[in-house]
Every structure is written in C-alpha cells, then in structure tokens.
Amino acid sequence: MAYSEKIADRIREALAHIDDVEEKYMFGGVCFMVNGKMCIGVVKDDMMCRIDPAAEADALERTGARPMDFTSRPMKGYVYVDDSGMKKKSDFQYWVDLCLDFNTRAKASKKKK
C-alpha cells in the first residue's frame, strides 16, 4: 500500500459536497485538487495539508503536525498530519477546513505546455 486508503476515504467523504474536486496521484500518494489547486492529500500514512503560510506556526503546534519535508527541507504552507492529529472527527475536520479556507486564496500552479 503506497498510501492510506482509509485517510483518502475520509477526505473523499469530507469533500463530497464540493463540485470541483479532482484526484491526482503524486508524491507516491494521492492529492485532492479543489478548484484546480492542490488542497489536501495522503502520503503514506500522513495527511498532507496545504494551508496559509501565515497560519503554519499555529498549526504546527497541534498534535500530530509537522512540517512537510518531502524534499528534505520544509515547504512553506504545507504540513503533514499523522494519525494522532486526526483521530477525533473534530481534529480531522479542523485540517480539512483549514485547507479549504486557504484554497479560496491560494494561487493555482502554472500549467505546463
């Protein structure tokens, strides 16, 4: 198993009310694009969250959160959340809401030609 289907299913359920959601397989996991922008995903057993960089310091103080260091150096505005940070439905929903909130302001990646 390359990534946790259980977490992916929880995310699918949380995003079911949104019209413009697309799943893309990347980072050895799955990423959920909302309105054409990377929003939230699953890498191995962690949830990957794209959040407002201004909210990152506070978010990293929450249980289970750590900087996303996919390239061996932290990426600003991205955090990983392990199982301990999303066991409770309210904690899981916090992360989904944080990602969706930032998604409305996030810039889309430039399309490759």
N, C-alpha and C. Protein backbone atom coordinates (compact mmCIF):
# COMPACT_ATOMS: atom_id res chain seq x y z
N MET A 1 0.84 -1.18 0.00
CA MET A 1 0.00 0.00 0.00
C MET A 1 0.88 1.24 0.00
N ALA A 2 0.76 2.06 -1.01
CA ALA A 2 1.58 3.26 -1.13
C ALA A 2 1.07 4.38 -0.22
N TYR A 3 -0.23 4.41 0.01
CA TYR A 3 -0.81 5.43 0.88
C TYR A 3 -2.06 4.87 1.55
N SER A 4 -2.45 5.52 2.63
CA SER A 4 -3.58 5.04 3.42
C SER A 4 -4.91 5.33 2.71
N GLU A 5 -5.56 4.26 2.26
CA GLU A 5 -6.88 4.40 1.63
C GLU A 5 -7.91 4.86 2.66
N LYS A 6 -7.68 4.50 3.92
CA LYS A 6 -8.62 4.91 4.98
C LYS A 6 -8.66 6.44 5.09
N ILE A 7 -7.49 7.05 5.08
CA ILE A 7 -7.44 8.52 5.16
C ILE A 7 -8.01 9.12 3.88
N ALA A 8 -7.66 8.54 2.73
CA ALA A 8 -8.18 9.04 1.45
C ALA A 8 -9.71 8.98 1.43
N ASP A 9 -10.28 7.91 1.95
CA ASP A 9 -11.74 7.79 2.00
C ASP A 9 -12.35 8.84 2.92
N ARG A 10 -11.70 9.13 4.03
CA ARG A 10 -12.20 10.18 4.93
C ARG A 10 -12.19 11.53 4.23
N ILE A 11 -11.14 11.79 3.47
CA ILE A 11 -11.05 13.05 2.74
C ILE A 11 -12.12 13.10 1.66
N ARG A 12 -12.30 12.02 0.91
CA ARG A 12 -13.34 11.97 -0.12
C ARG A 12 -14.71 12.32 0.46
N GLU A 13 -14.98 11.74 1.62
CA GLU A 13 -16.27 12.00 2.28
C GLU A 13 -16.38 13.46 2.70
N ALA A 14 -15.29 14.03 3.22
CA ALA A 14 -15.30 15.42 3.67
C ALA A 14 -15.44 16.41 2.51
N LEU A 15 -15.00 16.00 1.32
CA LEU A 15 -15.05 16.89 0.15
C LEU A 15 -16.25 16.59 -0.76
N ALA A 16 -17.08 15.65 -0.38
CA ALA A 16 -18.19 15.20 -1.25
C ALA A 16 -19.15 16.33 -1.64
N HIS A 17 -19.25 17.34 -0.81
CA HIS A 17 -20.19 18.44 -1.09
C HIS A 17 -19.62 19.48 -2.07
N ILE A 18 -18.38 19.33 -2.48
CA ILE A 18 -17.72 20.29 -3.37
C ILE A 18 -17.76 19.76 -4.80
N ASP A 19 -18.14 20.62 -5.73
CA ASP A 19 -18.29 20.20 -7.13
C ASP A 19 -16.96 19.97 -7.83
N ASP A 20 -16.00 20.87 -7.66
CA ASP A 20 -14.77 20.82 -8.44
C ASP A 20 -13.63 20.17 -7.65
N VAL A 21 -13.67 18.84 -7.54
CA VAL A 21 -12.63 18.07 -6.86
C VAL A 21 -12.09 17.03 -7.84
N GLU A 22 -10.78 16.98 -7.93
CA GLU A 22 -10.13 16.01 -8.81
C GLU A 22 -9.03 15.31 -8.02
N GLU A 23 -8.92 14.01 -8.19
CA GLU A 23 -7.85 13.25 -7.54
C GLU A 23 -6.69 13.10 -8.51
N LYS A 24 -5.49 13.40 -8.02
CA LYS A 24 -4.28 13.20 -8.82
C LYS A 24 -3.31 12.38 -7.99
N TYR A 25 -2.66 11.45 -8.65
CA TYR A 25 -1.69 10.62 -7.95
C TYR A 25 -0.31 11.25 -8.12
N MET A 26 0.26 11.63 -6.99
CA MET A 26 1.59 12.26 -6.97
C MET A 26 2.22 12.05 -5.62
N PHE A 27 3.49 12.30 -5.51
CA PHE A 27 4.25 12.13 -4.26
C PHE A 27 4.18 10.71 -3.72
N GLY A 28 3.83 9.75 -4.56
CA GLY A 28 3.65 8.38 -4.08
C GLY A 28 2.36 8.23 -3.30
N GLY A 29 1.47 9.18 -3.46
CA GLY A 29 0.19 9.16 -2.77
C GLY A 29 -0.89 9.74 -3.65
N VAL A 30 -1.90 10.30 -3.03
CA VAL A 30 -3.00 10.92 -3.77
C VAL A 30 -3.19 12.35 -3.28
N CYS A 31 -3.46 13.24 -4.22
CA CYS A 31 -3.69 14.64 -3.89
C CYS A 31 -5.08 15.01 -4.39
N PHE A 32 -5.80 15.74 -3.59
CA PHE A 32 -7.13 16.20 -3.97
C PHE A 32 -7.01 17.66 -4.39
N MET A 33 -7.30 17.89 -5.66
CA MET A 33 -7.27 19.23 -6.23
C MET A 33 -8.68 19.81 -6.08
N VAL A 34 -8.77 21.00 -5.51
CA VAL A 34 -10.06 21.67 -5.37
C VAL A 34 -9.97 22.96 -6.17
N ASN A 35 -10.91 23.14 -7.07
CA ASN A 35 -10.91 24.31 -7.96
C ASN A 35 -9.59 24.43 -8.72
N GLY A 36 -9.04 23.29 -9.12
CA GLY A 36 -7.81 23.27 -9.90
C GLY A 36 -6.54 23.54 -9.12
N LYS A 37 -6.65 23.57 -7.79
CA LYS A 37 -5.49 23.86 -6.95
C LYS A 37 -5.26 22.74 -5.94
N MET A 38 -3.99 22.43 -5.69
CA MET A 38 -3.65 21.42 -4.70
C MET A 38 -4.22 21.86 -3.36
N CYS A 39 -4.92 20.94 -2.69
CA CYS A 39 -5.58 21.31 -1.43
C CYS A 39 -5.18 20.41 -0.27
N ILE A 40 -5.38 19.12 -0.44
CA ILE A 40 -5.17 18.17 0.65
C ILE A 40 -4.86 16.81 0.03
N GLY A 41 -4.13 15.97 0.75
CA GLY A 41 -3.80 14.68 0.18
C GLY A 41 -3.33 13.69 1.21
N VAL A 42 -2.85 12.56 0.71
CA VAL A 42 -2.36 11.49 1.57
C VAL A 42 -1.02 11.01 1.01
N VAL A 43 -0.02 10.98 1.87
CA VAL A 43 1.30 10.44 1.54
C VAL A 43 1.62 9.41 2.62
N LYS A 44 1.75 8.16 2.21
CA LYS A 44 1.94 7.04 3.14
C LYS A 44 0.81 7.04 4.15
N ASP A 45 1.11 7.22 5.44
CA ASP A 45 0.08 7.22 6.48
C ASP A 45 -0.19 8.61 7.03
N ASP A 46 0.21 9.63 6.29
CA ASP A 46 0.03 11.02 6.74
C ASP A 46 -0.91 11.77 5.82
N MET A 47 -1.65 12.70 6.41
CA MET A 47 -2.43 13.63 5.62
C MET A 47 -1.51 14.79 5.28
N MET A 48 -1.54 15.21 4.02
CA MET A 48 -0.74 16.35 3.58
C MET A 48 -1.71 17.53 3.42
N CYS A 49 -1.42 18.62 4.12
CA CYS A 49 -2.32 19.76 4.11
C CYS A 49 -1.64 21.00 3.54
N ARG A 50 -2.29 21.63 2.57
CA ARG A 50 -1.82 22.91 2.06
C ARG A 50 -2.60 23.99 2.80
N ILE A 51 -1.87 24.78 3.59
CA ILE A 51 -2.52 25.77 4.44
C ILE A 51 -1.89 27.14 4.22
N ASP A 52 -2.52 28.14 4.76
CA ASP A 52 -1.99 29.50 4.69
C ASP A 52 -0.65 29.55 5.42
N PRO A 53 0.42 29.98 4.74
CA PRO A 53 1.72 30.06 5.43
C PRO A 53 1.66 30.90 6.70
N ALA A 54 0.76 31.88 6.76
CA ALA A 54 0.63 32.72 7.96
C ALA A 54 0.06 31.93 9.14
N ALA A 55 -0.64 30.84 8.87
CA ALA A 55 -1.24 30.01 9.93
C ALA A 55 -0.37 28.81 10.28
N GLU A 56 0.75 28.66 9.59
CA GLU A 56 1.56 27.46 9.73
C GLU A 56 2.13 27.28 11.14
N ALA A 57 2.66 28.33 11.74
CA ALA A 57 3.26 28.21 13.07
C ALA A 57 2.25 27.70 14.09
N ASP A 58 1.04 28.25 14.06
CA ASP A 58 -0.01 27.79 14.99
C ASP A 58 -0.42 26.35 14.68
N ALA A 59 -0.53 26.03 13.41
CA ALA A 59 -0.95 24.68 13.01
C ALA A 59 0.08 23.65 13.46
N LEU A 60 1.35 23.99 13.39
CA LEU A 60 2.41 23.05 13.76
C LEU A 60 2.45 22.77 15.25
N GLU A 61 1.77 23.57 16.05
CA GLU A 61 1.69 23.32 17.49
C GLU A 61 0.65 22.27 17.84
N ARG A 62 -0.19 21.91 16.88
CA ARG A 62 -1.23 20.91 17.13
C ARG A 62 -0.63 19.50 17.15
N THR A 63 -1.26 18.63 17.89
CA THR A 63 -0.82 17.24 17.99
C THR A 63 -0.76 16.60 16.60
N GLY A 64 0.34 15.91 16.34
CA GLY A 64 0.49 15.15 15.11
C GLY A 64 0.97 15.91 13.90
N ALA A 65 1.11 17.22 14.02
CA ALA A 65 1.52 18.04 12.86
C ALA A 65 3.03 18.22 12.83
N ARG A 66 3.57 18.22 11.61
CA ARG A 66 4.99 18.50 11.42
C ARG A 66 5.17 19.12 10.03
N PRO A 67 6.27 19.82 9.83
CA PRO A 67 6.49 20.43 8.52
C PRO A 67 6.57 19.37 7.43
N MET A 68 6.08 19.71 6.26
CA MET A 68 6.21 18.80 5.12
C MET A 68 7.63 18.94 4.59
N ASP A 69 8.37 17.87 4.69
CA ASP A 69 9.78 17.89 4.30
C ASP A 69 10.04 16.86 3.21
N PHE A 70 9.15 16.81 2.26
CA PHE A 70 9.22 15.83 1.18
C PHE A 70 10.55 15.89 0.43
N THR A 71 11.10 17.09 0.28
CA THR A 71 12.35 17.27 -0.45
C THR A 71 13.53 17.44 0.50
N SER A 72 13.41 16.99 1.72
CA SER A 72 14.42 17.10 2.78
C SER A 72 14.58 18.50 3.33
N ARG A 73 13.73 19.41 2.88
CA ARG A 73 13.69 20.73 3.51
C ARG A 73 12.22 21.13 3.57
N PRO A 74 11.82 21.79 4.65
CA PRO A 74 10.40 22.12 4.83
C PRO A 74 9.85 23.00 3.70
N MET A 75 8.63 22.72 3.30
CA MET A 75 7.95 23.51 2.28
C MET A 75 6.96 24.43 2.98
N LYS A 76 7.10 25.71 2.78
CA LYS A 76 6.24 26.69 3.44
C LYS A 76 4.78 26.52 3.00
N GLY A 77 3.90 26.50 3.97
CA GLY A 77 2.48 26.38 3.69
C GLY A 77 1.98 24.95 3.52
N TYR A 78 2.84 23.97 3.82
CA TYR A 78 2.45 22.57 3.73
C TYR A 78 2.84 21.87 5.02
N VAL A 79 1.92 21.06 5.55
CA VAL A 79 2.23 20.29 6.75
C VAL A 79 1.74 18.86 6.57
N TYR A 80 2.40 17.95 7.27
CA TYR A 80 1.94 16.57 7.38
C TYR A 80 1.24 16.44 8.72
N VAL A 81 0.20 15.62 8.75
CA VAL A 81 -0.51 15.32 10.00
C VAL A 81 -0.57 13.80 10.12
N ASP A 82 -0.04 13.28 11.22
CA ASP A 82 -0.10 11.83 11.42
C ASP A 82 -1.40 11.45 12.11
N ASP A 83 -1.57 10.16 12.33
CA ASP A 83 -2.82 9.64 12.88
C ASP A 83 -3.21 10.27 14.22
N SER A 84 -2.22 10.59 15.05
CA SER A 84 -2.53 11.17 16.36
C SER A 84 -3.19 12.54 16.24
N GLY A 85 -3.02 13.20 15.12
CA GLY A 85 -3.59 14.53 14.93
C GLY A 85 -4.94 14.54 14.25
N MET A 86 -5.46 13.36 13.91
CA MET A 86 -6.76 13.32 13.24
C MET A 86 -7.64 12.16 13.70
N LYS A 87 -7.35 11.63 14.88
CA LYS A 87 -8.16 10.53 15.40
C LYS A 87 -9.60 10.96 15.64
N LYS A 88 -9.76 12.11 16.28
CA LYS A 88 -11.11 12.62 16.54
C LYS A 88 -11.64 13.29 15.28
N LYS A 89 -12.93 13.12 15.04
CA LYS A 89 -13.55 13.72 13.86
C LYS A 89 -13.36 15.24 13.85
N SER A 90 -13.44 15.86 15.02
CA SER A 90 -13.29 17.32 15.09
C SER A 90 -11.87 17.75 14.70
N ASP A 91 -10.87 16.96 15.07
CA ASP A 91 -9.49 17.28 14.69
C ASP A 91 -9.30 17.10 13.19
N PHE A 92 -9.85 16.02 12.63
CA PHE A 92 -9.77 15.79 11.20
C PHE A 92 -10.44 16.94 10.45
N GLN A 93 -11.61 17.34 10.91
CA GLN A 93 -12.36 18.42 10.26
C GLN A 93 -11.62 19.75 10.35
N TYR A 94 -10.90 19.98 11.44
CA TYR A 94 -10.08 21.19 11.57
C TYR A 94 -9.12 21.30 10.39
N TRP A 95 -8.43 20.22 10.08
CA TRP A 95 -7.44 20.23 8.99
C TRP A 95 -8.11 20.41 7.64
N VAL A 96 -9.22 19.72 7.41
CA VAL A 96 -9.94 19.87 6.15
C VAL A 96 -10.39 21.32 5.98
N ASP A 97 -10.97 21.89 7.02
CA ASP A 97 -11.45 23.27 6.96
C ASP A 97 -10.31 24.25 6.73
N LEU A 98 -9.17 24.02 7.38
CA LEU A 98 -8.00 24.89 7.20
C LEU A 98 -7.53 24.85 5.74
N CYS A 99 -7.51 23.67 5.16
CA CYS A 99 -7.10 23.53 3.75
C CYS A 99 -8.11 24.20 2.82
N LEU A 100 -9.39 23.97 3.04
CA LEU A 100 -10.40 24.56 2.17
C LEU A 100 -10.43 26.08 2.29
N ASP A 101 -10.22 26.59 3.49
CA ASP A 101 -10.19 28.03 3.69
C ASP A 101 -9.06 28.67 2.87
N PHE A 102 -7.88 28.07 2.93
CA PHE A 102 -6.76 28.63 2.19
C PHE A 102 -6.94 28.44 0.69
N ASN A 103 -7.60 27.36 0.29
CA ASN A 103 -7.78 27.07 -1.13
C ASN A 103 -8.47 28.22 -1.86
N THR A 104 -9.35 28.93 -1.17
CA THR A 104 -10.04 30.05 -1.83
C THR A 104 -9.09 31.18 -2.17
N ARG A 105 -7.97 31.28 -1.47
CA ARG A 105 -6.99 32.36 -1.68
C ARG A 105 -5.71 31.88 -2.37
N ALA A 106 -5.50 30.58 -2.41
CA ALA A 106 -4.26 30.03 -2.96
C ALA A 106 -4.18 30.28 -4.47
N LYS A 107 -2.97 30.40 -4.93
CA LYS A 107 -2.75 30.56 -6.36
C LYS A 107 -2.60 29.17 -6.99
N ALA A 108 -3.15 29.01 -8.16
CA ALA A 108 -3.02 27.77 -8.90
C ALA A 108 -1.63 27.70 -9.51
N SER A 109 -1.10 26.50 -9.63
CA SER A 109 0.20 26.32 -10.30
C SER A 109 0.03 26.66 -11.78
N LYS A 110 1.11 27.15 -12.36
CA LYS A 110 1.07 27.44 -13.78
C LYS A 110 1.01 26.13 -14.54
N LYS A 111 0.17 26.09 -15.53
CA LYS A 111 0.00 24.89 -16.35
C LYS A 111 1.22 24.73 -17.26
N LYS A 112 1.73 23.50 -17.34
CA LYS A 112 2.84 23.21 -18.24
C LYS A 112 2.31 23.07 -19.67
N LYS A 113 3.07 23.59 -20.60
CA LYS A 113 2.64 23.50 -22.01
C LYS A 113 3.14 22.23 -22.63
